[in-house]
């Protein structure tokens, strides 16, 4: 089956932002102090979620007989926001940790929105990306609730 270069680029970009999300959450887990230990489980859950999403997207690209890119993608734009957020983790207070996590979630949620609106996705890719986008939105909303609660406590 032939698919457009834009479809492949979009799927590769989503793979990369998911990989960046994994790295971002793993960095946050490594930097979290004992008073915020409960966040480790949350961040590990979402790290694992993105690991799974990357595998699903990679399988679609490979299924088309196309090259799976793990470096810079053809368009290379969707994944950069989580890279920026990764460097900001390290604050020790709960509200700032969660604010940075939410900022990263805003970025990946936006990347999925762009992919769905402009990615020229095949039917198979559209189904997978739509499902993943829903799960990303749920993760974003859960982190936002935690962030709002942390801000209310400070």
N, C-alpha and C. Protein backbone atom coordinates (compact mmCIF):
# COMPACT_ATOMS: atom_id res chain seq x y z
N UNK A 1 0.84 -1.18 0.00
CA UNK A 1 0.00 0.00 0.00
C UNK A 1 0.88 1.24 0.00
N UNK A 2 0.57 2.16 -0.87
CA UNK A 2 1.33 3.39 -0.96
C UNK A 2 0.66 4.47 -0.12
N UNK A 3 1.47 5.15 0.65
CA UNK A 3 0.95 6.26 1.44
C UNK A 3 1.82 7.48 1.16
N UNK A 4 1.29 8.63 1.48
CA UNK A 4 2.02 9.86 1.19
C UNK A 4 3.22 10.04 2.11
N UNK A 5 4.17 10.83 1.61
CA UNK A 5 5.33 11.16 2.44
C UNK A 5 4.88 11.90 3.69
N UNK A 6 3.82 12.71 3.54
CA UNK A 6 3.33 13.48 4.69
C UNK A 6 2.80 12.55 5.78
N UNK A 7 2.12 11.47 5.39
CA UNK A 7 1.65 10.50 6.37
C UNK A 7 2.82 9.91 7.14
N UNK A 8 3.83 9.48 6.43
CA UNK A 8 5.01 8.88 7.06
C UNK A 8 5.70 9.89 7.96
N UNK A 9 5.86 11.12 7.47
CA UNK A 9 6.51 12.17 8.27
C UNK A 9 5.71 12.45 9.54
N UNK A 10 4.40 12.48 9.42
CA UNK A 10 3.55 12.74 10.58
C UNK A 10 3.68 11.62 11.61
N UNK A 11 3.64 10.37 11.14
CA UNK A 11 3.78 9.24 12.07
C UNK A 11 5.15 9.22 12.71
N UNK A 12 6.19 9.54 11.94
CA UNK A 12 7.54 9.60 12.51
C UNK A 12 7.64 10.73 13.53
N UNK A 13 7.03 11.88 13.24
CA UNK A 13 7.04 12.98 14.20
C UNK A 13 6.34 12.59 15.51
N UNK A 14 5.20 11.92 15.38
CA UNK A 14 4.48 11.48 16.59
C UNK A 14 5.30 10.46 17.37
N UNK A 15 6.00 9.60 16.65
CA UNK A 15 6.88 8.64 17.33
C UNK A 15 7.94 9.39 18.12
N UNK A 16 8.52 10.40 17.50
CA UNK A 16 9.58 11.17 18.18
C UNK A 16 9.07 11.93 19.39
N UNK A 17 7.91 12.56 19.29
CA UNK A 17 7.42 13.30 20.46
C UNK A 17 7.05 12.33 21.58
N UNK A 18 6.58 11.14 21.21
CA UNK A 18 6.33 10.12 22.24
C UNK A 18 7.64 9.68 22.88
N UNK A 19 8.69 9.52 22.08
CA UNK A 19 10.00 9.16 22.64
C UNK A 19 10.52 10.27 23.56
N UNK A 20 10.30 11.51 23.15
CA UNK A 20 10.70 12.64 23.99
C UNK A 20 9.88 12.68 25.28
N UNK A 21 8.62 12.33 25.18
CA UNK A 21 7.76 12.29 26.37
C UNK A 21 8.26 11.23 27.34
N UNK A 22 8.65 10.07 26.81
CA UNK A 22 9.23 9.01 27.65
C UNK A 22 10.44 9.57 28.39
N UNK A 23 11.36 10.18 27.65
CA UNK A 23 12.58 10.71 28.25
C UNK A 23 12.27 11.82 29.25
N UNK A 24 11.30 12.66 28.94
CA UNK A 24 10.93 13.75 29.84
C UNK A 24 10.38 13.23 31.16
N UNK A 25 9.46 12.28 31.08
CA UNK A 25 8.90 11.73 32.30
C UNK A 25 9.95 10.94 33.09
N UNK A 26 10.83 10.23 32.39
CA UNK A 26 11.87 9.49 33.10
C UNK A 26 12.84 10.44 33.80
N UNK A 27 13.13 11.58 33.18
CA UNK A 27 13.97 12.58 33.83
C UNK A 27 13.26 13.13 35.07
N UNK A 28 11.98 13.40 34.94
CA UNK A 28 11.22 13.90 36.09
C UNK A 28 11.24 12.88 37.22
N UNK A 29 11.05 11.61 36.90
CA UNK A 29 11.06 10.55 37.91
C UNK A 29 12.42 10.52 38.63
N UNK A 30 13.48 10.65 37.86
CA UNK A 30 14.82 10.61 38.45
C UNK A 30 15.07 11.81 39.36
N UNK A 31 14.45 12.94 39.05
CA UNK A 31 14.69 14.17 39.80
C UNK A 31 13.73 14.41 40.95
N UNK A 32 12.65 13.64 41.02
CA UNK A 32 11.63 13.86 42.06
C UNK A 32 12.17 13.44 43.42
N UNK A 33 11.92 14.32 44.39
CA UNK A 33 12.35 13.98 45.76
C UNK A 33 11.26 13.18 46.48
N UNK A 34 11.59 12.70 47.66
CA UNK A 34 10.72 11.78 48.38
C UNK A 34 9.34 12.35 48.70
N UNK A 35 9.24 13.65 48.90
CA UNK A 35 7.94 14.21 49.25
C UNK A 35 6.94 14.14 48.10
N UNK A 36 7.43 13.93 46.89
CA UNK A 36 6.55 13.82 45.72
C UNK A 36 6.61 12.43 45.09
N UNK A 37 6.90 11.44 45.92
CA UNK A 37 7.09 10.06 45.45
C UNK A 37 5.87 9.53 44.68
N UNK A 38 4.68 9.99 45.06
CA UNK A 38 3.46 9.52 44.38
C UNK A 38 3.45 9.91 42.90
N UNK A 39 4.15 10.99 42.55
CA UNK A 39 4.20 11.41 41.15
C UNK A 39 5.02 10.44 40.29
N UNK A 40 5.95 9.74 40.91
CA UNK A 40 6.75 8.78 40.15
C UNK A 40 5.87 7.75 39.45
N UNK A 41 4.90 7.22 40.17
CA UNK A 41 4.01 6.21 39.58
C UNK A 41 3.21 6.80 38.42
N UNK A 42 2.75 8.03 38.58
CA UNK A 42 1.98 8.69 37.52
C UNK A 42 2.86 8.89 36.29
N UNK A 43 4.06 9.42 36.51
CA UNK A 43 4.95 9.70 35.39
C UNK A 43 5.44 8.42 34.72
N UNK A 44 5.69 7.37 35.50
CA UNK A 44 6.09 6.10 34.90
C UNK A 44 4.97 5.50 34.05
N UNK A 45 3.74 5.66 34.51
CA UNK A 45 2.58 5.17 33.75
C UNK A 45 2.52 5.86 32.38
N UNK A 46 2.70 7.18 32.37
CA UNK A 46 2.61 7.90 31.11
C UNK A 46 3.84 7.69 30.24
N UNK A 47 4.97 7.45 30.86
CA UNK A 47 6.17 7.10 30.11
C UNK A 47 5.94 5.78 29.38
N UNK A 48 5.39 4.81 30.08
CA UNK A 48 5.10 3.51 29.47
C UNK A 48 4.04 3.65 28.37
N UNK A 49 3.07 4.53 28.59
CA UNK A 49 2.04 4.78 27.58
C UNK A 49 2.70 5.26 26.27
N UNK A 50 3.60 6.22 26.39
CA UNK A 50 4.25 6.73 25.18
C UNK A 50 5.18 5.71 24.54
N UNK A 51 5.79 4.87 25.35
CA UNK A 51 6.63 3.80 24.80
C UNK A 51 5.75 2.89 23.92
N UNK A 52 4.59 2.55 24.42
CA UNK A 52 3.64 1.71 23.67
C UNK A 52 3.18 2.43 22.40
N UNK A 53 2.85 3.72 22.53
CA UNK A 53 2.40 4.48 21.36
C UNK A 53 3.48 4.52 20.29
N UNK A 54 4.73 4.74 20.69
CA UNK A 54 5.83 4.75 19.72
C UNK A 54 5.92 3.43 18.98
N UNK A 55 5.78 2.34 19.72
CA UNK A 55 5.85 1.02 19.09
C UNK A 55 4.72 0.84 18.08
N UNK A 56 3.52 1.29 18.44
CA UNK A 56 2.38 1.17 17.53
C UNK A 56 2.60 1.98 16.25
N UNK A 57 3.07 3.21 16.42
CA UNK A 57 3.30 4.08 15.26
C UNK A 57 4.43 3.54 14.38
N UNK A 58 5.48 3.06 15.00
CA UNK A 58 6.60 2.48 14.27
C UNK A 58 6.14 1.26 13.46
N UNK A 59 5.28 0.46 14.05
CA UNK A 59 4.77 -0.73 13.35
C UNK A 59 3.96 -0.34 12.11
N UNK A 60 3.20 0.74 12.21
CA UNK A 60 2.42 1.19 11.05
C UNK A 60 3.37 1.63 9.92
N UNK A 61 4.36 2.45 10.28
CA UNK A 61 5.32 2.93 9.27
C UNK A 61 6.05 1.75 8.64
N UNK A 62 6.53 0.83 9.45
CA UNK A 62 7.24 -0.34 8.94
C UNK A 62 6.31 -1.19 8.08
N UNK A 63 5.05 -1.28 8.45
CA UNK A 63 4.07 -2.04 7.69
C UNK A 63 3.86 -1.49 6.29
N UNK A 64 4.10 -0.21 6.12
CA UNK A 64 4.01 0.41 4.80
C UNK A 64 5.30 0.22 4.00
N UNK A 65 6.28 -0.44 4.63
CA UNK A 65 7.56 -0.64 3.96
C UNK A 65 8.40 0.62 3.93
N UNK A 66 8.08 1.56 4.80
CA UNK A 66 8.81 2.82 4.84
C UNK A 66 9.84 2.79 5.96
N UNK A 67 10.79 3.70 5.86
CA UNK A 67 11.84 3.79 6.86
C UNK A 67 11.31 4.49 8.11
N UNK A 68 11.58 3.85 9.23
CA UNK A 68 11.22 4.43 10.52
C UNK A 68 12.36 5.32 10.94
N UNK A 69 12.05 6.57 11.22
CA UNK A 69 13.08 7.51 11.61
C UNK A 69 13.08 7.69 13.12
N UNK A 70 14.26 7.63 13.70
CA UNK A 70 14.36 7.85 15.13
C UNK A 70 15.14 9.11 15.44
N UNK A 71 15.73 9.72 14.43
CA UNK A 71 16.43 10.99 14.62
C UNK A 71 15.49 12.12 14.25
N UNK A 72 16.01 13.08 13.47
CA UNK A 72 15.16 14.16 13.00
C UNK A 72 14.28 13.65 11.87
N UNK A 73 13.03 14.03 11.93
CA UNK A 73 12.10 13.56 10.91
C UNK A 73 12.10 14.51 9.72
N UNK A 74 11.31 14.17 8.73
CA UNK A 74 11.22 14.97 7.53
C UNK A 74 10.80 16.40 7.87
N UNK A 75 9.74 16.55 8.65
CA UNK A 75 9.31 17.90 9.00
C UNK A 75 9.91 18.36 10.32
N UNK A 76 10.13 17.43 11.23
CA UNK A 76 10.85 17.72 12.45
C UNK A 76 10.29 18.79 13.35
N UNK A 77 9.00 19.06 13.29
CA UNK A 77 8.48 20.17 14.07
C UNK A 77 7.66 19.75 15.28
N UNK A 78 6.96 18.67 15.19
CA UNK A 78 6.01 18.32 16.24
C UNK A 78 6.67 17.93 17.55
N UNK A 79 7.85 17.36 17.51
CA UNK A 79 8.43 16.79 18.72
C UNK A 79 9.27 17.76 19.53
N UNK A 80 9.55 18.92 19.04
CA UNK A 80 10.50 19.79 19.72
C UNK A 80 10.02 20.30 21.07
N UNK A 81 8.75 20.49 21.26
CA UNK A 81 8.25 21.07 22.52
C UNK A 81 8.56 20.19 23.72
N UNK A 82 8.43 18.87 23.60
CA UNK A 82 8.75 18.02 24.76
C UNK A 82 10.25 18.05 25.03
N UNK A 83 11.07 18.20 24.01
CA UNK A 83 12.51 18.32 24.22
C UNK A 83 12.79 19.55 25.08
N UNK A 84 12.14 20.66 24.78
CA UNK A 84 12.32 21.89 25.55
C UNK A 84 11.88 21.69 27.00
N UNK A 85 10.79 20.99 27.21
CA UNK A 85 10.28 20.78 28.56
C UNK A 85 11.22 19.89 29.37
N UNK A 86 11.82 18.88 28.74
CA UNK A 86 12.72 17.97 29.47
C UNK A 86 13.80 18.72 30.23
N UNK A 87 14.32 19.79 29.63
CA UNK A 87 15.41 20.51 30.27
C UNK A 87 14.93 21.34 31.45
N UNK A 88 13.64 21.55 31.56
CA UNK A 88 13.11 22.40 32.63
C UNK A 88 12.75 21.64 33.89
N UNK A 89 12.57 20.31 33.79
CA UNK A 89 12.29 19.54 34.99
C UNK A 89 13.44 19.69 35.96
N UNK A 90 13.19 19.57 37.20
CA UNK A 90 14.26 19.70 38.17
C UNK A 90 13.81 20.57 39.33
N UNK A 91 12.74 21.32 39.13
CA UNK A 91 12.17 22.06 40.25
C UNK A 91 11.70 21.06 41.29
N UNK A 92 11.86 21.40 42.54
CA UNK A 92 11.53 20.41 43.56
C UNK A 92 10.12 20.57 44.11
N UNK A 93 9.49 21.72 43.88
CA UNK A 93 8.15 21.83 44.44
C UNK A 93 7.12 21.22 43.51
N UNK A 94 6.15 20.61 44.11
CA UNK A 94 5.14 19.82 43.41
C UNK A 94 4.44 20.62 42.30
N UNK A 95 4.04 21.82 42.61
CA UNK A 95 3.31 22.62 41.62
C UNK A 95 4.17 22.89 40.39
N UNK A 96 5.46 23.20 40.57
CA UNK A 96 6.29 23.47 39.40
C UNK A 96 6.60 22.21 38.61
N UNK A 97 6.79 21.09 39.28
CA UNK A 97 6.99 19.82 38.57
C UNK A 97 5.77 19.52 37.70
N UNK A 98 4.60 19.66 38.29
CA UNK A 98 3.36 19.37 37.56
C UNK A 98 3.07 20.41 36.48
N UNK A 99 3.47 21.65 36.70
CA UNK A 99 3.30 22.68 35.66
C UNK A 99 4.14 22.34 34.43
N UNK A 100 5.38 21.90 34.65
CA UNK A 100 6.22 21.52 33.53
C UNK A 100 5.67 20.27 32.83
N UNK A 101 5.18 19.33 33.62
CA UNK A 101 4.59 18.12 33.02
C UNK A 101 3.38 18.51 32.18
N UNK A 102 2.57 19.42 32.69
CA UNK A 102 1.39 19.83 31.92
C UNK A 102 1.81 20.56 30.65
N UNK A 103 2.85 21.35 30.73
CA UNK A 103 3.34 22.04 29.54
C UNK A 103 3.75 21.03 28.47
N UNK A 104 4.41 19.97 28.89
CA UNK A 104 4.77 18.91 27.96
C UNK A 104 3.55 18.22 27.38
N UNK A 105 2.57 18.00 28.24
CA UNK A 105 1.33 17.37 27.78
C UNK A 105 0.58 18.28 26.81
N UNK A 106 0.64 19.60 27.05
CA UNK A 106 0.05 20.54 26.08
C UNK A 106 0.70 20.37 24.72
N UNK A 107 2.02 20.20 24.72
CA UNK A 107 2.77 20.07 23.47
C UNK A 107 2.39 18.80 22.72
N UNK A 108 2.33 17.68 23.42
CA UNK A 108 2.01 16.43 22.71
C UNK A 108 0.55 16.42 22.28
N UNK A 109 -0.33 17.00 23.10
CA UNK A 109 -1.74 17.10 22.72
C UNK A 109 -1.88 17.93 21.45
N UNK A 110 -1.15 19.04 21.37
CA UNK A 110 -1.17 19.89 20.17
C UNK A 110 -0.61 19.15 18.96
N UNK A 111 0.44 18.36 19.16
CA UNK A 111 1.03 17.60 18.06
C UNK A 111 0.02 16.61 17.50
N UNK A 112 -0.71 15.95 18.37
CA UNK A 112 -1.74 15.02 17.90
C UNK A 112 -2.86 15.75 17.17
N UNK A 113 -3.23 16.93 17.65
CA UNK A 113 -4.27 17.72 16.99
C UNK A 113 -3.83 18.07 15.57
N UNK A 114 -2.60 18.53 15.42
CA UNK A 114 -2.07 18.87 14.10
C UNK A 114 -2.04 17.62 13.21
N UNK A 115 -1.60 16.51 13.77
CA UNK A 115 -1.52 15.27 13.00
C UNK A 115 -2.90 14.87 12.49
N UNK A 116 -3.90 15.01 13.34
CA UNK A 116 -5.26 14.63 12.93
C UNK A 116 -5.84 15.60 11.90
N UNK A 117 -5.51 16.86 12.03
CA UNK A 117 -6.07 17.86 11.12
C UNK A 117 -5.31 17.97 9.80
N UNK A 118 -3.98 17.77 9.84
CA UNK A 118 -3.17 18.07 8.67
C UNK A 118 -2.28 16.92 8.21
N UNK A 119 -2.35 15.77 8.89
CA UNK A 119 -1.39 14.71 8.63
C UNK A 119 -1.66 13.81 7.47
N UNK A 120 -2.79 14.00 6.78
CA UNK A 120 -3.13 13.15 5.63
C UNK A 120 -2.96 11.67 5.97
N UNK A 121 -3.54 11.26 7.08
CA UNK A 121 -3.35 9.91 7.59
C UNK A 121 -4.18 8.89 6.84
N UNK A 122 -3.61 7.71 6.66
CA UNK A 122 -4.34 6.58 6.08
C UNK A 122 -5.40 6.14 7.10
N UNK A 123 -6.31 5.29 6.68
CA UNK A 123 -7.38 4.84 7.58
C UNK A 123 -6.81 4.14 8.82
N UNK A 124 -5.84 3.27 8.63
CA UNK A 124 -5.22 2.56 9.75
C UNK A 124 -4.53 3.53 10.70
N UNK A 125 -3.77 4.45 10.13
CA UNK A 125 -3.06 5.43 10.95
C UNK A 125 -4.04 6.35 11.66
N UNK A 126 -5.09 6.76 10.97
CA UNK A 126 -6.08 7.65 11.56
C UNK A 126 -6.74 7.00 12.78
N UNK A 127 -7.06 5.73 12.67
CA UNK A 127 -7.68 5.01 13.78
C UNK A 127 -6.74 4.98 14.99
N UNK A 128 -5.49 4.64 14.76
CA UNK A 128 -4.50 4.55 15.85
C UNK A 128 -4.24 5.92 16.46
N UNK A 129 -4.02 6.92 15.62
CA UNK A 129 -3.70 8.26 16.12
C UNK A 129 -4.89 8.86 16.86
N UNK A 130 -6.10 8.61 16.39
CA UNK A 130 -7.30 9.10 17.08
C UNK A 130 -7.40 8.49 18.48
N UNK A 131 -7.18 7.19 18.58
CA UNK A 131 -7.24 6.51 19.88
C UNK A 131 -6.15 7.05 20.81
N UNK A 132 -4.94 7.17 20.27
CA UNK A 132 -3.84 7.68 21.08
C UNK A 132 -4.11 9.12 21.53
N UNK A 133 -4.67 9.94 20.65
CA UNK A 133 -4.97 11.33 21.00
C UNK A 133 -5.95 11.39 22.18
N UNK A 134 -6.92 10.50 22.20
CA UNK A 134 -7.86 10.45 23.32
C UNK A 134 -7.16 10.09 24.62
N UNK A 135 -6.25 9.14 24.55
CA UNK A 135 -5.49 8.75 25.75
C UNK A 135 -4.56 9.86 26.21
N UNK A 136 -3.96 10.58 25.26
CA UNK A 136 -3.10 11.71 25.58
C UNK A 136 -3.92 12.81 26.27
N UNK A 137 -5.11 13.07 25.75
CA UNK A 137 -5.98 14.08 26.36
C UNK A 137 -6.33 13.69 27.79
N UNK A 138 -6.63 12.42 28.02
CA UNK A 138 -6.93 11.95 29.39
C UNK A 138 -5.73 12.14 30.31
N UNK A 139 -4.54 11.83 29.81
CA UNK A 139 -3.32 12.00 30.61
C UNK A 139 -3.11 13.48 30.93
N UNK A 140 -3.28 14.33 29.93
CA UNK A 140 -3.15 15.77 30.13
C UNK A 140 -4.11 16.24 31.22
N UNK A 141 -5.36 15.82 31.10
CA UNK A 141 -6.38 16.26 32.06
C UNK A 141 -6.05 15.79 33.48
N UNK A 142 -5.54 14.57 33.61
CA UNK A 142 -5.18 14.04 34.92
C UNK A 142 -4.02 14.84 35.53
N UNK A 143 -3.05 15.18 34.72
CA UNK A 143 -1.92 15.97 35.22
C UNK A 143 -2.37 17.38 35.57
N UNK A 144 -3.29 17.93 34.80
CA UNK A 144 -3.82 19.27 35.10
C UNK A 144 -4.55 19.27 36.44
N UNK A 145 -5.32 18.23 36.71
CA UNK A 145 -6.02 18.13 37.99
C UNK A 145 -5.01 18.08 39.13
N UNK A 146 -3.97 17.28 38.97
CA UNK A 146 -2.92 17.21 40.01
C UNK A 146 -2.22 18.57 40.18
N UNK A 147 -1.95 19.24 39.07
CA UNK A 147 -1.31 20.55 39.13
C UNK A 147 -2.18 21.57 39.85
N UNK A 148 -3.47 21.58 39.49
CA UNK A 148 -4.40 22.52 40.13
C UNK A 148 -4.50 22.26 41.63
N UNK A 149 -4.53 20.99 42.02
CA UNK A 149 -4.57 20.64 43.44
C UNK A 149 -3.30 21.09 44.15
N UNK A 150 -2.16 20.92 43.49
CA UNK A 150 -0.88 21.33 44.09
C UNK A 150 -0.81 22.84 44.26
N UNK A 151 -1.32 23.58 43.27
CA UNK A 151 -1.33 25.03 43.35
C UNK A 151 -2.25 25.49 44.49
N UNK A 152 -3.37 24.81 44.65
CA UNK A 152 -4.32 25.17 45.71
C UNK A 152 -3.73 24.94 47.10
N UNK A 153 -2.83 23.96 47.20
CA UNK A 153 -2.21 23.62 48.49
C UNK A 153 -1.05 24.56 48.82
N UNK A 154 -0.48 25.22 47.82
CA UNK A 154 0.71 26.05 48.10
C UNK A 154 0.36 27.47 48.45
